[in-house]
PDB file of N, CA and C in Angstrom:
ATOM      1  N   UNK A   1      34.137 -68.278 -51.238  1.00  0.00           N
ATOM      2  CA  UNK A   1      34.483 -68.573 -49.980  1.00  0.00           C
ATOM      3  C   UNK A   1      35.565 -67.695 -49.455  1.00  0.00           C
ATOM      4  N   UNK A   2      35.456 -66.851 -48.274  1.00  0.00           N
ATOM      5  CA  UNK A   2      36.341 -65.942 -47.879  1.00  0.00           C
ATOM      6  C   UNK A   2      37.454 -66.535 -47.156  1.00  0.00           C
ATOM      7  N   UNK A   3      38.698 -66.306 -47.165  1.00  0.00           N
ATOM      8  CA  UNK A   3      39.693 -66.788 -46.510  1.00  0.00           C
ATOM      9  C   UNK A   3      40.201 -65.817 -45.497  1.00  0.00           C
ATOM     10  N   UNK A   4      40.557 -66.158 -44.312  1.00  0.00           N
ATOM     11  CA  UNK A   4      40.819 -65.458 -43.148  1.00  0.00           C
ATOM     12  C   UNK A   4      42.320 -65.421 -43.030  1.00  0.00           C
ATOM     13  N   UNK A   5      42.949 -64.252 -43.011  1.00  0.00           N
ATOM     14  CA  UNK A   5      44.435 -64.127 -42.641  1.00  0.00           C
ATOM     15  C   UNK A   5      44.589 -64.153 -41.189  1.00  0.00           C
ATOM     16  N   UNK A   6      45.837 -64.268 -40.896  1.00  0.00           N
ATOM     17  CA  UNK A   6      46.118 -64.254 -39.297  1.00  0.00           C
ATOM     18  C   UNK A   6      45.640 -63.045 -38.423  1.00  0.00           C
ATOM     19  N   UNK A   7      45.699 -61.890 -39.236  1.00  0.00           N
ATOM     20  CA  UNK A   7      44.984 -60.663 -38.550  1.00  0.00           C
ATOM     21  C   UNK A   7      43.558 -60.922 -38.327  1.00  0.00           C
ATOM     22  N   UNK A   8      42.906 -61.309 -39.333  1.00  0.00           N
ATOM     23  CA  UNK A   8      41.447 -61.457 -39.050  1.00  0.00           C
ATOM     24  C   UNK A   8      41.203 -62.626 -37.993  1.00  0.00           C
ATOM     25  N   UNK A   9      41.943 -63.748 -38.088  1.00  0.00           N
ATOM     26  CA  UNK A   9      41.708 -64.623 -36.956  1.00  0.00           C
ATOM     27  C   UNK A   9      42.031 -64.145 -35.679  1.00  0.00           C
ATOM     28  N   UNK A  10      43.123 -63.272 -35.492  1.00  0.00           N
ATOM     29  CA  UNK A  10      43.278 -62.658 -34.245  1.00  0.00           C
ATOM     30  C   UNK A  10      42.249 -61.912 -33.722  1.00  0.00           C
ATOM     31  N   UNK A  11      41.668 -60.928 -34.575  1.00  0.00           N
ATOM     32  CA  UNK A  11      40.692 -60.103 -34.274  1.00  0.00           C
ATOM     33  C   UNK A  11      39.328 -60.886 -33.881  1.00  0.00           C
ATOM     34  N   UNK A  12      39.103 -61.993 -34.514  1.00  0.00           N
ATOM     35  CA  UNK A  12      37.961 -62.859 -34.165  1.00  0.00           C
ATOM     36  C   UNK A  12      38.143 -63.398 -32.782  1.00  0.00           C
ATOM     37  N   UNK A  13      39.280 -63.805 -32.479  1.00  0.00           N
ATOM     38  CA  UNK A  13      39.704 -64.340 -31.192  1.00  0.00           C
ATOM     39  C   UNK A  13      39.435 -63.306 -30.224  1.00  0.00           C
ATOM     40  N   UNK A  14      39.889 -61.999 -30.427  1.00  0.00           N
ATOM     41  CA  UNK A  14      39.785 -61.135 -29.386  1.00  0.00           C
ATOM     42  C   UNK A  14      38.345 -60.770 -29.214  1.00  0.00           C
ATOM     43  N   UNK A  15      37.546 -60.686 -30.302  1.00  0.00           N
ATOM     44  CA  UNK A  15      36.075 -60.333 -30.136  1.00  0.00           C
ATOM     45  C   UNK A  15      35.433 -61.375 -29.302  1.00  0.00           C
ATOM     46  N   UNK A  16      35.850 -62.789 -29.517  1.00  0.00           N
ATOM     47  CA  UNK A  16      35.173 -63.849 -28.793  1.00  0.00           C
ATOM     48  C   UNK A  16      35.640 -63.688 -27.353  1.00  0.00           C
ATOM     49  N   UNK A  17      36.810 -63.339 -26.981  1.00  0.00           N
ATOM     50  CA  UNK A  17      37.206 -63.082 -25.563  1.00  0.00           C
ATOM     51  C   UNK A  17      36.582 -61.990 -25.011  1.00  0.00           C
ATOM     52  N   UNK A  18      36.423 -60.872 -25.769  1.00  0.00           N
ATOM     53  CA  UNK A  18      35.554 -59.766 -25.085  1.00  0.00           C
ATOM     54  C   UNK A  18      34.209 -60.195 -24.876  1.00  0.00           C
ATOM     55  N   UNK A  19      33.528 -60.852 -25.912  1.00  0.00           N
ATOM     56  CA  UNK A  19      32.111 -61.239 -25.634  1.00  0.00           C
ATOM     57  C   UNK A  19      31.924 -62.162 -24.481  1.00  0.00           C
ATOM     58  N   UNK A  20      32.950 -63.119 -24.350  1.00  0.00           N
ATOM     59  CA  UNK A  20      32.876 -64.007 -23.234  1.00  0.00           C
ATOM     60  C   UNK A  20      32.967 -63.317 -21.789  1.00  0.00           C
ATOM     61  N   UNK A  21      33.839 -62.327 -21.827  1.00  0.00           N
ATOM     62  CA  UNK A  21      33.998 -61.488 -20.528  1.00  0.00           C
ATOM     63  C   UNK A  21      32.825 -60.745 -20.329  1.00  0.00           C
ATOM     64  N   UNK A  22      32.187 -60.125 -21.197  1.00  0.00           N
ATOM     65  CA  UNK A  22      30.930 -59.405 -21.059  1.00  0.00           C
ATOM     66  C   UNK A  22      29.766 -60.172 -20.730  1.00  0.00           C
ATOM     67  N   UNK A  23      29.613 -61.293 -21.507  1.00  0.00           N
ATOM     68  CA  UNK A  23      28.583 -62.159 -21.095  1.00  0.00           C
ATOM     69  C   UNK A  23      28.703 -62.647 -19.743  1.00  0.00           C
ATOM     70  N   UNK A  24      29.824 -63.071 -19.202  1.00  0.00           N
ATOM     71  CA  UNK A  24      30.093 -63.404 -17.838  1.00  0.00           C
ATOM     72  C   UNK A  24      29.749 -62.450 -16.786  1.00  0.00           C
ATOM     73  N   UNK A  25      30.129 -61.131 -17.048  1.00  0.00           N
ATOM     74  CA  UNK A  25      29.786 -60.105 -16.083  1.00  0.00           C
ATOM     75  C   UNK A  25      28.231 -59.771 -16.117  1.00  0.00           C
ATOM     76  N   UNK A  26      27.572 -59.853 -17.185  1.00  0.00           N
ATOM     77  CA  UNK A  26      26.110 -59.672 -17.301  1.00  0.00           C
ATOM     78  C   UNK A  26      25.419 -60.854 -16.634  1.00  0.00           C
ATOM     79  N   UNK A  27      25.863 -62.083 -16.827  1.00  0.00           N
ATOM     80  CA  UNK A  27      25.150 -63.189 -16.333  1.00  0.00           C
ATOM     81  C   UNK A  27      25.344 -63.209 -14.772  1.00  0.00           C
ATOM     82  N   UNK A  28      26.321 -62.578 -14.298  1.00  0.00           N
ATOM     83  CA  UNK A  28      26.534 -62.607 -12.826  1.00  0.00           C
ATOM     84  C   UNK A  28      26.043 -61.290 -12.141  1.00  0.00           C
ATOM     85  N   UNK A  29      25.296 -60.457 -12.905  1.00  0.00           N
ATOM     86  CA  UNK A  29      24.765 -59.146 -12.317  1.00  0.00           C
ATOM     87  C   UNK A  29      23.297 -59.420 -11.703  1.00  0.00           C
ATOM     88  N   UNK A  30      23.034 -58.607 -10.775  1.00  0.00           N
ATOM     89  CA  UNK A  30      21.780 -58.708 -10.023  1.00  0.00           C
ATOM     90  C   UNK A  30      20.593 -58.538 -10.992  1.00  0.00           C
ATOM     91  N   UNK A  31      20.710 -57.600 -11.864  1.00  0.00           N
ATOM     92  CA  UNK A  31      19.630 -57.211 -12.942  1.00  0.00           C
ATOM     93  C   UNK A  31      19.357 -58.480 -13.780  1.00  0.00           C
ATOM     94  N   UNK A  32      20.447 -59.097 -14.283  1.00  0.00           N
ATOM     95  CA  UNK A  32      20.157 -60.243 -15.027  1.00  0.00           C
ATOM     96  C   UNK A  32      19.544 -61.368 -14.180  1.00  0.00           C
ATOM     97  N   UNK A  33      19.944 -61.665 -13.027  1.00  0.00           N
ATOM     98  CA  UNK A  33      19.361 -62.659 -12.144  1.00  0.00           C
ATOM     99  C   UNK A  33      17.959 -62.343 -11.899  1.00  0.00           C
ATOM    100  N   UNK A  34      17.579 -61.181 -11.541  1.00  0.00           N
ATOM    101  CA  UNK A  34      16.263 -60.757 -11.379  1.00  0.00           C
ATOM    102  C   UNK A  34      15.462 -60.962 -12.641  1.00  0.00           C
ATOM    103  N   UNK A  35      15.917 -60.512 -13.827  1.00  0.00           N
ATOM    104  CA  UNK A  35      15.193 -60.697 -15.048  1.00  0.00           C
ATOM    105  C   UNK A  35      14.946 -62.161 -15.400  1.00  0.00           C
ATOM    106  N   UNK A  36      15.934 -63.035 -15.186  1.00  0.00           N
ATOM    107  CA  UNK A  36      15.875 -64.343 -15.382  1.00  0.00           C
ATOM    108  C   UNK A  36      14.859 -65.052 -14.553  1.00  0.00           C
ATOM    109  N   UNK A  37      14.765 -64.540 -13.177  1.00  0.00           N
ATOM    110  CA  UNK A  37      13.821 -65.060 -12.270  1.00  0.00           C
ATOM    111  C   UNK A  37      12.384 -64.985 -12.751  1.00  0.00           C
ATOM    112  N   UNK A  38      12.135 -63.882 -13.633  1.00  0.00           N
ATOM    113  CA  UNK A  38      10.772 -63.580 -14.195  1.00  0.00           C
ATOM    114  C   UNK A  38      10.394 -64.689 -15.196  1.00  0.00           C
ATOM    115  N   UNK A  39      11.344 -65.318 -15.838  1.00  0.00           N
ATOM    116  CA  UNK A  39      11.017 -66.308 -16.929  1.00  0.00           C
ATOM    117  C   UNK A  39      10.546 -67.570 -16.439  1.00  0.00           C
ATOM    118  N   UNK A  40       9.948 -68.301 -17.177  1.00  0.00           N
ATOM    119  CA  UNK A  40       9.468 -69.683 -16.849  1.00  0.00           C
ATOM    120  C   UNK A  40      10.702 -70.502 -16.655  1.00  0.00           C
ATOM    121  N   UNK A  41      10.715 -71.366 -15.693  1.00  0.00           N
ATOM    122  CA  UNK A  41      11.943 -72.351 -15.424  1.00  0.00           C
ATOM    123  C   UNK A  41      12.238 -73.053 -16.758  1.00  0.00           C
ATOM    124  N   UNK A  42      11.308 -73.617 -17.425  1.00  0.00           N
ATOM    125  CA  UNK A  42      11.488 -74.490 -18.569  1.00  0.00           C
ATOM    126  C   UNK A  42      12.165 -73.772 -19.629  1.00  0.00           C
ATOM    127  N   UNK A  43      11.747 -72.403 -19.762  1.00  0.00           N
ATOM    128  CA  UNK A  43      12.399 -71.532 -20.709  1.00  0.00           C
ATOM    129  C   UNK A  43      13.738 -71.375 -20.419  1.00  0.00           C
ATOM    130  N   UNK A  44      14.209 -71.054 -19.216  1.00  0.00           N
ATOM    131  CA  UNK A  44      15.518 -70.745 -18.813  1.00  0.00           C
ATOM    132  C   UNK A  44      16.389 -72.055 -19.210  1.00  0.00           C
ATOM    133  N   UNK A  45      15.747 -73.267 -18.668  1.00  0.00           N
ATOM    134  CA  UNK A  45      16.601 -74.361 -18.973  1.00  0.00           C
ATOM    135  C   UNK A  45      16.794 -74.746 -20.479  1.00  0.00           C
ATOM    136  N   UNK A  46      15.887 -74.340 -21.301  1.00  0.00           N
ATOM    137  CA  UNK A  46      15.906 -74.755 -22.654  1.00  0.00           C
ATOM    138  C   UNK A  46      16.851 -73.761 -23.518  1.00  0.00           C
ATOM    139  N   UNK A  47      17.258 -72.581 -22.970  1.00  0.00           N
ATOM    140  CA  UNK A  47      17.964 -71.572 -23.625  1.00  0.00           C
ATOM    141  C   UNK A  47      19.416 -71.610 -23.218  1.00  0.00           C
ATOM    142  N   UNK A  48      20.361 -71.446 -24.105  1.00  0.00           N
ATOM    143  CA  UNK A  48      21.743 -71.310 -23.725  1.00  0.00           C
ATOM    144  C   UNK A  48      21.998 -69.958 -23.058  1.00  0.00           C
ATOM    145  N   UNK A  49      23.139 -69.951 -22.232  1.00  0.00           N
ATOM    146  CA  UNK A  49      23.404 -68.673 -21.619  1.00  0.00           C
ATOM    147  C   UNK A  49      23.708 -67.512 -22.540  1.00  0.00           C
ATOM    148  N   UNK A  50      24.183 -67.965 -23.668  1.00  0.00           N
ATOM    149  CA  UNK A  50      24.456 -66.958 -24.759  1.00  0.00           C
ATOM    150  C   UNK A  50      23.196 -66.407 -25.136  1.00  0.00           C
ATOM    151  N   UNK A  51      22.209 -67.262 -25.478  1.00  0.00           N
ATOM    152  CA  UNK A  51      21.030 -66.708 -25.988  1.00  0.00           C
ATOM    153  C   UNK A  51      20.126 -65.948 -24.775  1.00  0.00           C
ATOM    154  N   UNK A  52      20.290 -66.334 -23.584  1.00  0.00           N
ATOM    155  CA  UNK A  52      19.667 -65.611 -22.514  1.00  0.00           C
ATOM    156  C   UNK A  52      20.275 -64.154 -22.390  1.00  0.00           C
ATOM    157  N   UNK A  53      21.554 -64.101 -22.368  1.00  0.00           N
ATOM    158  CA  UNK A  53      22.356 -62.838 -22.210  1.00  0.00           C
ATOM    159  C   UNK A  53      21.870 -61.854 -23.342  1.00  0.00           C
ATOM    160  N   UNK A  54      21.801 -62.245 -24.655  1.00  0.00           N
ATOM    161  CA  UNK A  54      21.494 -61.472 -25.737  1.00  0.00           C
ATOM    162  C   UNK A  54      20.053 -61.054 -25.699  1.00  0.00           C
ATOM    163  N   UNK A  55      19.220 -61.862 -25.263  1.00  0.00           N
ATOM    164  CA  UNK A  55      17.765 -61.660 -24.947  1.00  0.00           C
ATOM    165  C   UNK A  55      17.759 -60.524 -24.002  1.00  0.00           C
ATOM    166  N   UNK A  56      18.377 -60.676 -22.805  1.00  0.00           N
ATOM    167  CA  UNK A  56      18.278 -59.715 -21.822  1.00  0.00           C
ATOM    168  C   UNK A  56      18.723 -58.321 -22.209  1.00  0.00           C
ATOM    169  N   UNK A  57      19.817 -58.264 -23.026  1.00  0.00           N
ATOM    170  CA  UNK A  57      20.389 -57.020 -23.522  1.00  0.00           C
ATOM    171  C   UNK A  57      19.413 -56.393 -24.498  1.00  0.00           C
ATOM    172  N   UNK A  58      18.791 -57.240 -25.424  1.00  0.00           N
ATOM    173  CA  UNK A  58      17.861 -56.731 -26.409  1.00  0.00           C
ATOM    174  C   UNK A  58      16.626 -56.098 -25.624  1.00  0.00           C
ATOM    175  N   UNK A  59      16.119 -56.907 -24.598  1.00  0.00           N
ATOM    176  CA  UNK A  59      14.925 -56.369 -23.972  1.00  0.00           C
ATOM    177  C   UNK A  59      15.214 -55.179 -23.020  1.00  0.00           C
ATOM    178  N   UNK A  60      16.337 -55.147 -22.474  1.00  0.00           N
ATOM    179  CA  UNK A  60      16.942 -53.988 -21.660  1.00  0.00           C
ATOM    180  C   UNK A  60      16.951 -52.759 -22.507  1.00  0.00           C
ATOM    181  N   UNK A  61      17.496 -52.806 -23.733  1.00  0.00           N
ATOM    182  CA  UNK A  61      17.822 -51.703 -24.659  1.00  0.00           C
ATOM    183  C   UNK A  61      16.437 -51.196 -25.121  1.00  0.00           C
ATOM    184  N   UNK A  62      15.571 -52.234 -25.517  1.00  0.00           N
ATOM    185  CA  UNK A  62      14.155 -51.765 -25.887  1.00  0.00           C
ATOM    186  C   UNK A  62      13.357 -50.996 -24.873  1.00  0.00           C
ATOM    187  N   UNK A  63      13.756 -51.442 -23.515  1.00  0.00           N
ATOM    188  CA  UNK A  63      12.970 -50.628 -22.385  1.00  0.00           C
ATOM    189  C   UNK A  63      13.613 -49.349 -22.277  1.00  0.00           C
ATOM    190  N   UNK A  64      14.856 -49.165 -22.411  1.00  0.00           N
ATOM    191  CA  UNK A  64      15.629 -47.761 -22.492  1.00  0.00           C
ATOM    192  C   UNK A  64      15.185 -46.968 -23.506  1.00  0.00           C
ATOM    193  N   UNK A  65      14.905 -47.495 -24.639  1.00  0.00           N
ATOM    194  CA  UNK A  65      14.457 -46.753 -25.865  1.00  0.00           C
ATOM    195  C   UNK A  65      13.157 -46.082 -25.601  1.00  0.00           C
ATOM    196  N   UNK A  66      12.455 -46.512 -24.751  1.00  0.00           N
ATOM    197  CA  UNK A  66      11.052 -45.785 -24.514  1.00  0.00           C
ATOM    198  C   UNK A  66      11.225 -44.563 -23.733  1.00  0.00           C
TER     199      UNK A  66
END
């Protein structure tokens, strides 16, 4: 079992804060809203906002990779 010191805890909190801010900005973007509009309503309702943003980022990066 790994023990976290206060520096590790602080870094984890900073990462969580950055992810929350990034996720919020993405979720409020017109690109995300448009993408989400293409999904089935039941799918959007069943998934967490965290999952939707991660999926949006993955699919966007896959598209850009082509």
